[in-house]
Amino acid sequence: MGKAVALTGTVIATPGQVPFPPAQSGAWVAMPVQETMDNKLKVGGKAVISEAECVFMFTGTDSSSGVPVPVSGQEKVKLSAKSTTLQKKVLVDGDMQQSSYGNRLRVITLSKLTTS
């Protein structure tokens, strides 16, 4: 059975839990997901997505020396489509990319257009 294709707004960014070195504590925050749309393929007026990326920002502290020191960092997570039976590279339901810090992009969609 085919998988539903990703439409605009169906890629979910989830911040990870692993601190950015050398921090021992802190939090990741996801910036807005940037989507690359297929210019020709649409479902219900929404564009089908072929790629998505998100910048995750980290703010925390390193207390290893006994004095808390601010730590900040960032990373970009990119989710790229693979070829499907649609003869196009599009993201589909369940596609996911996760970094070593646990920052994740995942497609969650129930669109009516599916691969076969």
PDB file of N, CA and C in Angstrom:
ATOM      1  N   MET A   1       0.840  -1.180   0.000  1.00  0.00           N
ATOM      2  CA  MET A   1       0.000   0.000   0.000  1.00  0.00           C
ATOM      3  C   MET A   1       0.880   1.236   0.000  1.00  0.00           C
ATOM      4  N   GLY A   2       0.429   2.281  -0.664  1.00  0.00           N
ATOM      5  CA  GLY A   2       1.203   3.508  -0.761  1.00  0.00           C
ATOM      6  C   GLY A   2       1.182   4.326   0.509  1.00  0.00           C
ATOM      7  N   LYS A   3       2.019   5.349   0.522  1.00  0.00           N
ATOM      8  CA  LYS A   3       2.084   6.265   1.658  1.00  0.00           C
ATOM      9  C   LYS A   3       1.582   7.630   1.231  1.00  0.00           C
ATOM     10  N   ALA A   4       0.933   8.337   2.153  1.00  0.00           N
ATOM     11  CA  ALA A   4       0.428   9.685   1.891  1.00  0.00           C
ATOM     12  C   ALA A   4       1.610  10.642   1.707  1.00  0.00           C
ATOM     13  N   VAL A   5       1.497  11.541   0.729  1.00  0.00           N
ATOM     14  CA  VAL A   5       2.567  12.497   0.471  1.00  0.00           C
ATOM     15  C   VAL A   5       2.477  13.676   1.427  1.00  0.00           C
ATOM     16  N   ALA A   6       3.621  14.291   1.705  1.00  0.00           N
ATOM     17  CA  ALA A   6       3.692  15.430   2.626  1.00  0.00           C
ATOM     18  C   ALA A   6       3.203  16.699   1.938  1.00  0.00           C
ATOM     19  N   LEU A   7       2.363  17.430   2.630  1.00  0.00           N
ATOM     20  CA  LEU A   7       1.860  18.716   2.143  1.00  0.00           C
ATOM     21  C   LEU A   7       2.417  19.826   3.025  1.00  0.00           C
ATOM     22  N   THR A   8       2.299  21.052   2.564  1.00  0.00           N
ATOM     23  CA  THR A   8       2.738  22.196   3.340  1.00  0.00           C
ATOM     24  C   THR A   8       2.174  22.131   4.751  1.00  0.00           C
ATOM     25  N   GLY A   9       3.039  22.262   5.740  1.00  0.00           N
ATOM     26  CA  GLY A   9       2.622  22.267   7.128  1.00  0.00           C
ATOM     27  C   GLY A   9       2.565  20.911   7.804  1.00  0.00           C
ATOM     28  N   THR A  10       2.998  19.843   7.122  1.00  0.00           N
ATOM     29  CA  THR A  10       2.920  18.507   7.724  1.00  0.00           C
ATOM     30  C   THR A  10       4.265  17.982   8.217  1.00  0.00           C
ATOM     31  N   VAL A  11       5.311  18.805   8.149  1.00  0.00           N
ATOM     32  CA  VAL A  11       6.608  18.407   8.696  1.00  0.00           C
ATOM     33  C   VAL A  11       6.714  19.003  10.101  1.00  0.00           C
ATOM     34  N   ILE A  12       6.891  18.140  11.084  1.00  0.00           N
ATOM     35  CA  ILE A  12       6.910  18.537  12.485  1.00  0.00           C
ATOM     36  C   ILE A  12       8.348  18.529  13.006  1.00  0.00           C
ATOM     37  N   ALA A  13       8.753  19.628  13.642  1.00  0.00           N
ATOM     38  CA  ALA A  13      10.081  19.730  14.260  1.00  0.00           C
ATOM     39  C   ALA A  13       9.950  19.469  15.749  1.00  0.00           C
ATOM     40  N   THR A  14      10.775  18.544  16.266  1.00  0.00           N
ATOM     41  CA  THR A  14      10.759  18.209  17.684  1.00  0.00           C
ATOM     42  C   THR A  14      12.158  18.421  18.256  1.00  0.00           C
ATOM     43  N   PRO A  15      12.313  19.324  19.237  1.00  0.00           N
ATOM     44  CA  PRO A  15      13.626  19.564  19.832  1.00  0.00           C
ATOM     45  C   PRO A  15      14.136  18.346  20.594  1.00  0.00           C
ATOM     46  N   GLY A  16      15.455  18.170  20.558  1.00  0.00           N
ATOM     47  CA  GLY A  16      16.090  17.056  21.241  1.00  0.00           C
ATOM     48  C   GLY A  16      16.319  17.325  22.722  1.00  0.00           C
ATOM     49  N   GLN A  17      16.888  16.323  23.408  1.00  0.00           N
ATOM     50  CA  GLN A  17      17.132  16.397  24.842  1.00  0.00           C
ATOM     51  C   GLN A  17      18.613  16.368  25.202  1.00  0.00           C
ATOM     52  N   VAL A  18      19.491  16.088  24.227  1.00  0.00           N
ATOM     53  CA  VAL A  18      20.918  15.982  24.504  1.00  0.00           C
ATOM     54  C   VAL A  18      21.551  17.376  24.469  1.00  0.00           C
ATOM     55  N   PRO A  19      22.207  17.812  25.559  1.00  0.00           N
ATOM     56  CA  PRO A  19      22.806  19.153  25.599  1.00  0.00           C
ATOM     57  C   PRO A  19      23.917  19.349  24.571  1.00  0.00           C
ATOM     58  N   PHE A  20      24.057  20.580  24.122  1.00  0.00           N
ATOM     59  CA  PHE A  20      25.122  20.970  23.204  1.00  0.00           C
ATOM     60  C   PHE A  20      26.418  21.099  24.025  1.00  0.00           C
ATOM     61  N   PRO A  21      27.497  20.436  23.639  1.00  0.00           N
ATOM     62  CA  PRO A  21      28.740  20.482  24.427  1.00  0.00           C
ATOM     63  C   PRO A  21      29.298  21.902  24.537  1.00  0.00           C
ATOM     64  N   PRO A  22      29.852  22.260  25.662  1.00  0.00           N
ATOM     65  CA  PRO A  22      30.127  21.458  26.861  1.00  0.00           C
ATOM     66  C   PRO A  22      29.037  21.566  27.923  1.00  0.00           C
ATOM     67  N   ALA A  23      27.855  21.991  27.563  1.00  0.00           N
ATOM     68  CA  ALA A  23      26.772  22.188  28.542  1.00  0.00           C
ATOM     69  C   ALA A  23      26.352  20.877  29.194  1.00  0.00           C
ATOM     70  N   GLN A  24      25.968  20.968  30.455  1.00  0.00           N
ATOM     71  CA  GLN A  24      25.378  19.821  31.145  1.00  0.00           C
ATOM     72  C   GLN A  24      23.851  19.940  31.214  1.00  0.00           C
ATOM     73  N   SER A  25      23.363  21.165  31.023  1.00  0.00           N
ATOM     74  CA  SER A  25      21.916  21.368  31.053  1.00  0.00           C
ATOM     75  C   SER A  25      21.543  22.479  30.081  1.00  0.00           C
ATOM     76  N   GLY A  26      20.279  22.511  29.729  1.00  0.00           N
ATOM     77  CA  GLY A  26      19.778  23.524  28.804  1.00  0.00           C
ATOM     78  C   GLY A  26      18.649  22.964  27.968  1.00  0.00           C
ATOM     79  N   ALA A  27      18.278  23.697  26.936  1.00  0.00           N
ATOM     80  CA  ALA A  27      17.156  23.275  26.104  1.00  0.00           C
ATOM     81  C   ALA A  27      17.355  23.691  24.651  1.00  0.00           C
ATOM     82  N   TRP A  28      16.863  22.844  23.760  1.00  0.00           N
ATOM     83  CA  TRP A  28      16.820  23.135  22.331  1.00  0.00           C
ATOM     84  C   TRP A  28      15.465  23.758  21.997  1.00  0.00           C
ATOM     85  N   VAL A  29      15.454  24.665  21.036  1.00  0.00           N
ATOM     86  CA  VAL A  29      14.222  25.271  20.531  1.00  0.00           C
ATOM     87  C   VAL A  29      14.263  25.179  19.008  1.00  0.00           C
ATOM     88  N   ALA A  30      13.154  24.778  18.409  1.00  0.00           N
ATOM     89  CA  ALA A  30      13.066  24.673  16.953  1.00  0.00           C
ATOM     90  C   ALA A  30      12.625  26.006  16.355  1.00  0.00           C
ATOM     91  N   MET A  31      13.333  26.454  15.350  1.00  0.00           N
ATOM     92  CA  MET A  31      12.917  27.617  14.576  1.00  0.00           C
ATOM     93  C   MET A  31      11.868  27.132  13.555  1.00  0.00           C
ATOM     94  N   PRO A  32      11.242  28.018  12.804  1.00  0.00           N
ATOM     95  CA  PRO A  32      10.243  27.568  11.822  1.00  0.00           C
ATOM     96  C   PRO A  32      10.852  26.624  10.775  1.00  0.00           C
ATOM     97  N   VAL A  33      10.072  25.606  10.402  1.00  0.00           N
ATOM     98  CA  VAL A  33      10.492  24.648   9.380  1.00  0.00           C
ATOM     99  C   VAL A  33      10.438  25.335   8.017  1.00  0.00           C
ATOM    100  N   GLN A  34      11.514  25.200   7.264  1.00  0.00           N
ATOM    101  CA  GLN A  34      11.579  25.735   5.899  1.00  0.00           C
ATOM    102  C   GLN A  34      11.308  24.584   4.928  1.00  0.00           C
ATOM    103  N   GLU A  35      10.314  24.741   4.075  1.00  0.00           N
ATOM    104  CA  GLU A  35       9.913  23.667   3.165  1.00  0.00           C
ATOM    105  C   GLU A  35      10.227  24.035   1.714  1.00  0.00           C
ATOM    106  N   THR A  36      10.646  23.028   0.957  1.00  0.00           N
ATOM    107  CA  THR A  36      10.841  23.185  -0.486  1.00  0.00           C
ATOM    108  C   THR A  36       9.683  22.467  -1.154  1.00  0.00           C
ATOM    109  N   MET A  37       8.887  23.226  -1.915  1.00  0.00           N
ATOM    110  CA  MET A  37       7.699  22.662  -2.530  1.00  0.00           C
ATOM    111  C   MET A  37       7.952  22.249  -3.973  1.00  0.00           C
ATOM    112  N   ASP A  38       7.203  21.239  -4.411  1.00  0.00           N
ATOM    113  CA  ASP A  38       7.188  20.849  -5.815  1.00  0.00           C
ATOM    114  C   ASP A  38       6.284  21.860  -6.522  1.00  0.00           C
ATOM    115  N   ASN A  39       6.783  22.512  -7.556  1.00  0.00           N
ATOM    116  CA  ASN A  39       6.035  23.580  -8.225  1.00  0.00           C
ATOM    117  C   ASN A  39       4.817  23.107  -9.000  1.00  0.00           C
ATOM    118  N   LYS A  40       4.750  21.817  -9.330  1.00  0.00           N
ATOM    119  CA  LYS A  40       3.666  21.342 -10.183  1.00  0.00           C
ATOM    120  C   LYS A  40       2.657  20.457  -9.470  1.00  0.00           C
ATOM    121  N   LEU A  41       3.054  19.819  -8.389  1.00  0.00           N
ATOM    122  CA  LEU A  41       2.188  18.840  -7.734  1.00  0.00           C
ATOM    123  C   LEU A  41       1.519  19.461  -6.511  1.00  0.00           C
ATOM    124  N   LYS A  42       0.156  19.485  -6.520  1.00  0.00           N
ATOM    125  CA  LYS A  42      -0.622  20.045  -5.408  1.00  0.00           C
ATOM    126  C   LYS A  42      -1.773  19.113  -5.083  1.00  0.00           C
ATOM    127  N   VAL A  43      -2.200  19.159  -3.818  1.00  0.00           N
ATOM    128  CA  VAL A  43      -3.344  18.371  -3.375  1.00  0.00           C
ATOM    129  C   VAL A  43      -4.246  19.318  -2.587  1.00  0.00           C
ATOM    130  N   GLY A  44      -5.474  19.484  -3.036  1.00  0.00           N
ATOM    131  CA  GLY A  44      -6.413  20.365  -2.349  1.00  0.00           C
ATOM    132  C   GLY A  44      -5.892  21.785  -2.201  1.00  0.00           C
ATOM    133  N   GLY A  45      -5.139  22.253  -3.182  1.00  0.00           N
ATOM    134  CA  GLY A  45      -4.597  23.604  -3.161  1.00  0.00           C
ATOM    135  C   GLY A  45      -3.309  23.750  -2.371  1.00  0.00           C
ATOM    136  N   LYS A  46      -2.850  22.678  -1.714  1.00  0.00           N
ATOM    137  CA  LYS A  46      -1.607  22.732  -0.948  1.00  0.00           C
ATOM    138  C   LYS A  46      -0.483  22.083  -1.744  1.00  0.00           C
ATOM    139  N   ALA A  47       0.694  22.686  -1.671  1.00  0.00           N
ATOM    140  CA  ALA A  47       1.852  22.155  -2.388  1.00  0.00           C
ATOM    141  C   ALA A  47       2.394  20.907  -1.707  1.00  0.00           C
ATOM    142  N   VAL A  48       2.917  19.993  -2.523  1.00  0.00           N
ATOM    143  CA  VAL A  48       3.584  18.793  -2.033  1.00  0.00           C
ATOM    144  C   VAL A  48       5.037  19.159  -1.745  1.00  0.00           C
ATOM    145  N   ILE A  49       5.592  18.620  -0.673  1.00  0.00           N
ATOM    146  CA  ILE A  49       6.942  18.986  -0.222  1.00  0.00           C
ATOM    147  C   ILE A  49       7.967  17.956  -0.669  1.00  0.00           C
ATOM    148  N   SER A  50       9.099  18.451  -1.158  1.00  0.00           N
ATOM    149  CA  SER A  50      10.180  17.563  -1.572  1.00  0.00           C
ATOM    150  C   SER A  50      11.355  17.590  -0.591  1.00  0.00           C
ATOM    151  N   GLU A  51      11.410  18.622   0.252  1.00  0.00           N
ATOM    152  CA  GLU A  51      12.511  18.744   1.206  1.00  0.00           C
ATOM    153  C   GLU A  51      12.096  19.692   2.332  1.00  0.00           C
ATOM    154  N   ALA A  52      12.652  19.466   3.513  1.00  0.00           N
ATOM    155  CA  ALA A  52      12.383  20.355   4.654  1.00  0.00           C
ATOM    156  C   ALA A  52      13.651  20.461   5.487  1.00  0.00           C
ATOM    157  N   GLU A  53      13.839  21.624   6.103  1.00  0.00           N
ATOM    158  CA  GLU A  53      14.963  21.791   7.014  1.00  0.00           C
ATOM    159  C   GLU A  53      14.565  22.737   8.132  1.00  0.00           C
ATOM    160  N   CYS A  54      15.265  22.581   9.259  1.00  0.00           N
ATOM    161  CA  CYS A  54      14.958  23.388  10.422  1.00  0.00           C
ATOM    162  C   CYS A  54      16.244  23.653  11.188  1.00  0.00           C
ATOM    163  N   VAL A  55      16.384  24.875  11.672  1.00  0.00           N
ATOM    164  CA  VAL A  55      17.496  25.224  12.548  1.00  0.00           C
ATOM    165  C   VAL A  55      16.999  25.083  13.981  1.00  0.00           C
ATOM    166  N   PHE A  56      17.779  24.378  14.786  1.00  0.00           N
ATOM    167  CA  PHE A  56      17.494  24.211  16.205  1.00  0.00           C
ATOM    168  C   PHE A  56      18.529  25.016  16.984  1.00  0.00           C
ATOM    169  N   MET A  57      18.074  25.811  17.955  1.00  0.00           N
ATOM    170  CA  MET A  57      18.947  26.658  18.769  1.00  0.00           C
ATOM    171  C   MET A  57      19.009  26.091  20.184  1.00  0.00           C
ATOM    172  N   PHE A  58      20.225  26.106  20.767  1.00  0.00           N
ATOM    173  CA  PHE A  58      20.415  25.601  22.124  1.00  0.00           C
ATOM    174  C   PHE A  58      20.899  26.710  23.039  1.00  0.00           C
ATOM    175  N   THR A  59      20.350  26.754  24.241  1.00  0.00           N
ATOM    176  CA  THR A  59      20.815  27.655  25.297  1.00  0.00           C
ATOM    177  C   THR A  59      20.904  26.840  26.571  1.00  0.00           C
ATOM    178  N   GLY A  60      22.073  26.913  27.223  1.00  0.00           N
ATOM    179  CA  GLY A  60      22.252  26.145  28.449  1.00  0.00           C
ATOM    180  C   GLY A  60      23.440  26.643  29.246  1.00  0.00           C
ATOM    181  N   THR A  61      23.909  25.811  30.198  1.00  0.00           N
ATOM    182  CA  THR A  61      25.046  26.181  31.039  1.00  0.00           C
ATOM    183  C   THR A  61      25.998  25.012  31.226  1.00  0.00           C
ATOM    184  N   ASP A  62      27.273  25.385  31.389  1.00  0.00           N
ATOM    185  CA  ASP A  62      28.339  24.445  31.733  1.00  0.00           C
ATOM    186  C   ASP A  62      28.755  24.765  33.156  1.00  0.00           C
ATOM    187  N   SER A  63      28.498  23.854  34.070  1.00  0.00           N
ATOM    188  CA  SER A  63      28.823  24.074  35.485  1.00  0.00           C
ATOM    189  C   SER A  63      29.994  23.207  35.937  1.00  0.00           C
ATOM    190  N   SER A  64      30.749  22.656  35.003  1.00  0.00           N
ATOM    191  CA  SER A  64      31.823  21.720  35.352  1.00  0.00           C
ATOM    192  C   SER A  64      32.934  22.362  36.184  1.00  0.00           C
ATOM    193  N   SER A  65      33.138  23.670  36.047  1.00  0.00           N
ATOM    194  CA  SER A  65      34.186  24.347  36.819  1.00  0.00           C
ATOM    195  C   SER A  65      33.661  24.877  38.156  1.00  0.00           C
ATOM    196  N   GLY A  66      32.407  24.626  38.453  1.00  0.00           N
ATOM    197  CA  GLY A  66      31.803  25.119  39.681  1.00  0.00           C
ATOM    198  C   GLY A  66      31.101  26.449  39.507  1.00  0.00           C
ATOM    199  N   VAL A  67      31.420  27.155  38.428  1.00  0.00           N
ATOM    200  CA  VAL A  67      30.792  28.436  38.114  1.00  0.00           C
ATOM    201  C   VAL A  67      29.982  28.253  36.824  1.00  0.00           C
ATOM    202  N   PRO A  68      28.679  28.505  36.856  1.00  0.00           N
ATOM    203  CA  PRO A  68      27.878  28.347  35.633  1.00  0.00           C
ATOM    204  C   PRO A  68      28.347  29.280  34.515  1.00  0.00           C
ATOM    205  N   VAL A  69      28.612  28.690  33.346  1.00  0.00           N
ATOM    206  CA  VAL A  69      29.047  29.445  32.169  1.00  0.00           C
ATOM    207  C   VAL A  69      27.989  29.231  31.078  1.00  0.00           C
ATOM    208  N   PRO A  70      27.492  30.316  30.483  1.00  0.00           N
ATOM    209  CA  PRO A  70      26.483  30.161  29.424  1.00  0.00           C
ATOM    210  C   PRO A  70      27.054  29.419  28.216  1.00  0.00           C
ATOM    211  N   VAL A  71      26.233  28.566  27.637  1.00  0.00           N
ATOM    212  CA  VAL A  71      26.591  27.825  26.422  1.00  0.00           C
ATOM    213  C   VAL A  71      25.447  27.990  25.438  1.00  0.00           C
ATOM    214  N   SER A  72      25.785  28.286  24.195  1.00  0.00           N
ATOM    215  CA  SER A  72      24.759  28.338  23.150  1.00  0.00           C
ATOM    216  C   SER A  72      25.286  27.626  21.913  1.00  0.00           C
ATOM    217  N   GLY A  73      24.389  27.171  21.103  1.00  0.00           N
ATOM    218  CA  GLY A  73      24.769  26.484  19.874  1.00  0.00           C
ATOM    219  C   GLY A  73      23.574  26.324  18.968  1.00  0.00           C
ATOM    220  N   GLN A  74      23.839  25.819  17.787  1.00  0.00           N
ATOM    221  CA  GLN A  74      22.757  25.567  16.849  1.00  0.00           C
ATOM    222  C   GLN A  74      23.147  24.453  15.904  1.00  0.00           C
ATOM    223  N   GLU A  75      22.147  23.852  15.307  1.00  0.00           N
ATOM    224  CA  GLU A  75      22.381  22.866  14.247  1.00  0.00           C
ATOM    225  C   GLU A  75      21.195  22.882  13.297  1.00  0.00           C
ATOM    226  N   LYS A  76      21.469  22.491  12.062  1.00  0.00           N
ATOM    227  CA  LYS A  76      20.425  22.416  11.046  1.00  0.00           C
ATOM    228  C   LYS A  76      20.159  20.941  10.752  1.00  0.00           C
ATOM    229  N   VAL A  77      18.885  20.562  10.760  1.00  0.00           N
ATOM    230  CA  VAL A  77      18.478  19.211  10.404  1.00  0.00           C
ATOM    231  C   VAL A  77      17.739  19.302   9.074  1.00  0.00           C
ATOM    232  N   LYS A  78      18.139  18.449   8.128  1.00  0.00           N
ATOM    233  CA  LYS A  78      17.557  18.478   6.785  1.00  0.00           C
ATOM    234  C   LYS A  78      16.937  17.123   6.464  1.00  0.00           C
ATOM    235  N   LEU A  79      15.712  17.157   5.973  1.00  0.00           N
ATOM    236  CA  LEU A  79      14.983  15.953   5.573  1.00  0.00           C
ATOM    237  C   LEU A  79      14.774  16.001   4.072  1.00  0.00           C
ATOM    238  N   SER A  80      15.388  15.063   3.366  1.00  0.00           N
ATOM    239  CA  SER A  80      15.301  15.026   1.903  1.00  0.00           C
ATOM    240  C   SER A  80      14.488  13.828   1.445  1.00  0.00           C
ATOM    241  N   ALA A  81      13.750  14.008   0.369  1.00  0.00           N
ATOM    242  CA  ALA A  81      12.889  12.955  -0.168  1.00  0.00           C
ATOM    243  C   ALA A  81      13.690  11.949  -0.981  1.00  0.00           C
ATOM    244  N   LYS A  82      13.113  10.762  -1.071  1.00  0.00           N
ATOM    245  CA  LYS A  82      13.652   9.710  -1.919  1.00  0.00           C
ATOM    246  C   LYS A  82      12.705   9.542  -3.102  1.00  0.00           C
ATOM    247  N   SER A  83      13.146   8.879  -4.138  1.00  0.00           N
ATOM    248  CA  SER A  83      12.273   8.637  -5.286  1.00  0.00           C
ATOM    249  C   SER A  83      11.086   7.774  -4.885  1.00  0.00           C
ATOM    250  N   THR A  84       9.938   8.072  -5.461  1.00  0.00           N
ATOM    251  CA  THR A  84       8.716   7.303  -5.191  1.00  0.00           C
ATOM    252  C   THR A  84       8.144   6.824  -6.516  1.00  0.00           C
ATOM    253  N   THR A  85       7.066   6.077  -6.449  1.00  0.00           N
ATOM    254  CA  THR A  85       6.417   5.613  -7.670  1.00  0.00           C
ATOM    255  C   THR A  85       5.699   6.743  -8.397  1.00  0.00           C
ATOM    256  N   LEU A  86       5.671   7.943  -7.797  1.00  0.00           N
ATOM    257  CA  LEU A  86       5.080   9.107  -8.477  1.00  0.00           C
ATOM    258  C   LEU A  86       6.033   9.669  -9.526  1.00  0.00           C
ATOM    259  N   GLN A  87       7.232   9.091  -9.635  1.00  0.00           N
ATOM    260  CA  GLN A  87       8.265   9.567 -10.545  1.00  0.00           C
ATOM    261  C   GLN A  87       8.805  10.929 -10.120  1.00  0.00           C
ATOM    262  N   LYS A  88       8.572  11.283  -8.876  1.00  0.00           N
ATOM    263  CA  LYS A  88       9.068  12.538  -8.311  1.00  0.00           C
ATOM    264  C   LYS A  88       9.631  12.239  -6.943  1.00  0.00           C
ATOM    265  N   LYS A  89      10.555  13.076  -6.513  1.00  0.00           N
ATOM    266  CA  LYS A  89      11.071  12.950  -5.158  1.00  0.00           C
ATOM    267  C   LYS A  89      10.215  13.823  -4.258  1.00  0.00           C
ATOM    268  N   VAL A  90       9.395  13.178  -3.433  1.00  0.00           N
ATOM    269  CA  VAL A  90       8.527  13.885  -2.499  1.00  0.00           C
ATOM    270  C   VAL A  90       8.624  13.215  -1.129  1.00  0.00           C
ATOM    271  N   LEU A  91       8.423  14.002  -0.088  1.00  0.00           N
ATOM    272  CA  LEU A  91       8.385  13.445   1.262  1.00  0.00           C
ATOM    273  C   LEU A  91       7.057  12.731   1.461  1.00  0.00           C
ATOM    274  N   VAL A  92       7.076  11.652   2.242  1.00  0.00           N
ATOM    275  CA  VAL A  92       5.858  10.891   2.495  1.00  0.00           C
ATOM    276  C   VAL A  92       5.688  10.675   4.003  1.00  0.00           C
ATOM    277  N   ASP A  93       4.486  10.287   4.401  1.00  0.00           N
ATOM    278  CA  ASP A  93       4.174  10.059   5.806  1.00  0.00           C
ATOM    279  C   ASP A  93       5.194   9.112   6.438  1.00  0.00           C
ATOM    280  N   GLY A  94       5.722   9.509   7.585  1.00  0.00           N
ATOM    281  CA  GLY A  94       6.681   8.674   8.301  1.00  0.00           C
ATOM    282  C   GLY A  94       8.131   8.994   8.022  1.00  0.00           C
ATOM    283  N   ASP A  95       8.423   9.742   6.951  1.00  0.00           N
ATOM    284  CA  ASP A  95       9.822  10.123   6.689  1.00  0.00           C
ATOM    285  C   ASP A  95      10.344  10.893   7.893  1.00  0.00           C
ATOM    286  N   MET A  96      11.598  10.615   8.288  1.00  0.00           N
ATOM    287  CA  MET A  96      12.146  11.254   9.479  1.00  0.00           C
ATOM    288  C   MET A  96      13.658  11.395   9.361  1.00  0.00           C
ATOM    289  N   GLN A  97      14.174  12.448   9.958  1.00  0.00           N
ATOM    290  CA  GLN A  97      15.616  12.655  10.102  1.00  0.00           C
ATOM    291  C   GLN A  97      15.858  13.149  11.517  1.00  0.00           C
ATOM    292  N   GLN A  98      16.805  12.506  12.216  1.00  0.00           N
ATOM    293  CA  GLN A  98      17.104  12.882  13.595  1.00  0.00           C
ATOM    294  C   GLN A  98      18.611  13.043  13.763  1.00  0.00           C
ATOM    295  N   SER A  99      19.010  14.087  14.489  1.00  0.00           N
ATOM    296  CA  SER A  99      20.424  14.352  14.739  1.00  0.00           C
ATOM    297  C   SER A  99      20.908  13.615  15.985  1.00  0.00           C
ATOM    298  N   SER A 100      22.196  13.677  16.235  1.00  0.00           N
ATOM    299  CA  SER A 100      22.768  13.028  17.419  1.00  0.00           C
ATOM    300  C   SER A 100      22.306  13.702  18.712  1.00  0.00           C
ATOM    301  N   TYR A 101      21.818  14.936  18.645  1.00  0.00           N
ATOM    302  CA  TYR A 101      21.278  15.632  19.819  1.00  0.00           C
ATOM    303  C   TYR A 101      19.799  15.294  20.040  1.00  0.00           C
ATOM    304  N   GLY A 102      19.214  14.559  19.119  1.00  0.00           N
ATOM    305  CA  GLY A 102      17.804  14.194  19.222  1.00  0.00           C
ATOM    306  C   GLY A 102      16.860  15.151  18.520  1.00  0.00           C
ATOM    307  N   ASN A 103      17.390  16.220  17.891  1.00  0.00           N
ATOM    308  CA  ASN A 103      16.542  17.139  17.129  1.00  0.00           C
ATOM    309  C   ASN A 103      16.008  16.391  15.914  1.00  0.00           C
ATOM    310  N   ARG A 104      14.682  16.504  15.685  1.00  0.00           N
ATOM    311  CA  ARG A 104      14.059  15.645  14.685  1.00  0.00           C
ATOM    312  C   ARG A 104      13.068  16.389  13.803  1.00  0.00           C
ATOM    313  N   LEU A 105      13.062  15.998  12.534  1.00  0.00           N
ATOM    314  CA  LEU A 105      12.024  16.414  11.591  1.00  0.00           C
ATOM    315  C   LEU A 105      11.286  15.149  11.171  1.00  0.00           C
ATOM    316  N   ARG A 106       9.947  15.211  11.201  1.00  0.00           N
ATOM    317  CA  ARG A 106       9.160  14.043  10.821  1.00  0.00           C
ATOM    318  C   ARG A 106       7.901  14.473  10.088  1.00  0.00           C
ATOM    319  N   VAL A 107       7.543  13.702   9.057  1.00  0.00           N
ATOM    320  CA  VAL A 107       6.327  13.965   8.298  1.00  0.00           C
ATOM    321  C   VAL A 107       5.177  13.202   8.942  1.00  0.00           C
ATOM    322  N   ILE A 108       4.112  13.941   9.258  1.00  0.00           N
ATOM    323  CA  ILE A 108       2.873  13.328   9.749  1.00  0.00           C
ATOM    324  C   ILE A 108       1.743  13.877   8.891  1.00  0.00           C
ATOM    325  N   THR A 109       1.205  13.045   8.013  1.00  0.00           N
ATOM    326  CA  THR A 109       0.173  13.518   7.076  1.00  0.00           C
ATOM    327  C   THR A 109      -0.830  12.417   6.751  1.00  0.00           C
ATOM    328  N   LEU A 110      -2.011  12.839   6.397  1.00  0.00           N
ATOM    329  CA  LEU A 110      -3.066  11.935   5.949  1.00  0.00           C
ATOM    330  C   LEU A 110      -3.610  12.417   4.594  1.00  0.00           C
ATOM    331  N   SER A 111      -2.737  12.989   3.772  1.00  0.00           N
ATOM    332  CA  SER A 111      -3.199  13.538   2.491  1.00  0.00           C
ATOM    333  C   SER A 111      -3.840  12.437   1.645  1.00  0.00           C
ATOM    334  N   LYS A 112      -4.666  12.850   0.705  1.00  0.00           N
ATOM    335  CA  LYS A 112      -5.389  11.889  -0.129  1.00  0.00           C
ATOM    336  C   LYS A 112      -4.541  11.359  -1.270  1.00  0.00           C
ATOM    337  N   LEU A 113      -3.452  12.042  -1.609  1.00  0.00           N
ATOM    338  CA  LEU A 113      -2.567  11.559  -2.666  1.00  0.00           C
ATOM    339  C   LEU A 113      -1.555  10.623  -2.037  1.00  0.00           C
ATOM    340  N   THR A 114      -1.445   9.416  -2.591  1.00  0.00           N
ATOM    341  CA  THR A 114      -0.497   8.450  -2.057  1.00  0.00           C
ATOM    342  C   THR A 114       0.372   7.892  -3.163  1.00  0.00           C
ATOM    343  N   THR A 115       1.532   7.378  -2.759  1.00  0.00           N
ATOM    344  CA  THR A 115       2.375   6.644  -3.693  1.00  0.00           C
ATOM    345  C   THR A 115       1.724   5.276  -3.866  1.00  0.00           C
ATOM    346  N   SER A 116       2.072   4.555  -4.905  1.00  0.00           N
ATOM    347  CA  SER A 116       1.460   3.223  -5.084  1.00  0.00           C
ATOM    348  C   SER A 116       2.476   2.120  -4.971  1.00  0.00           C
TER     349      SER A 116
END
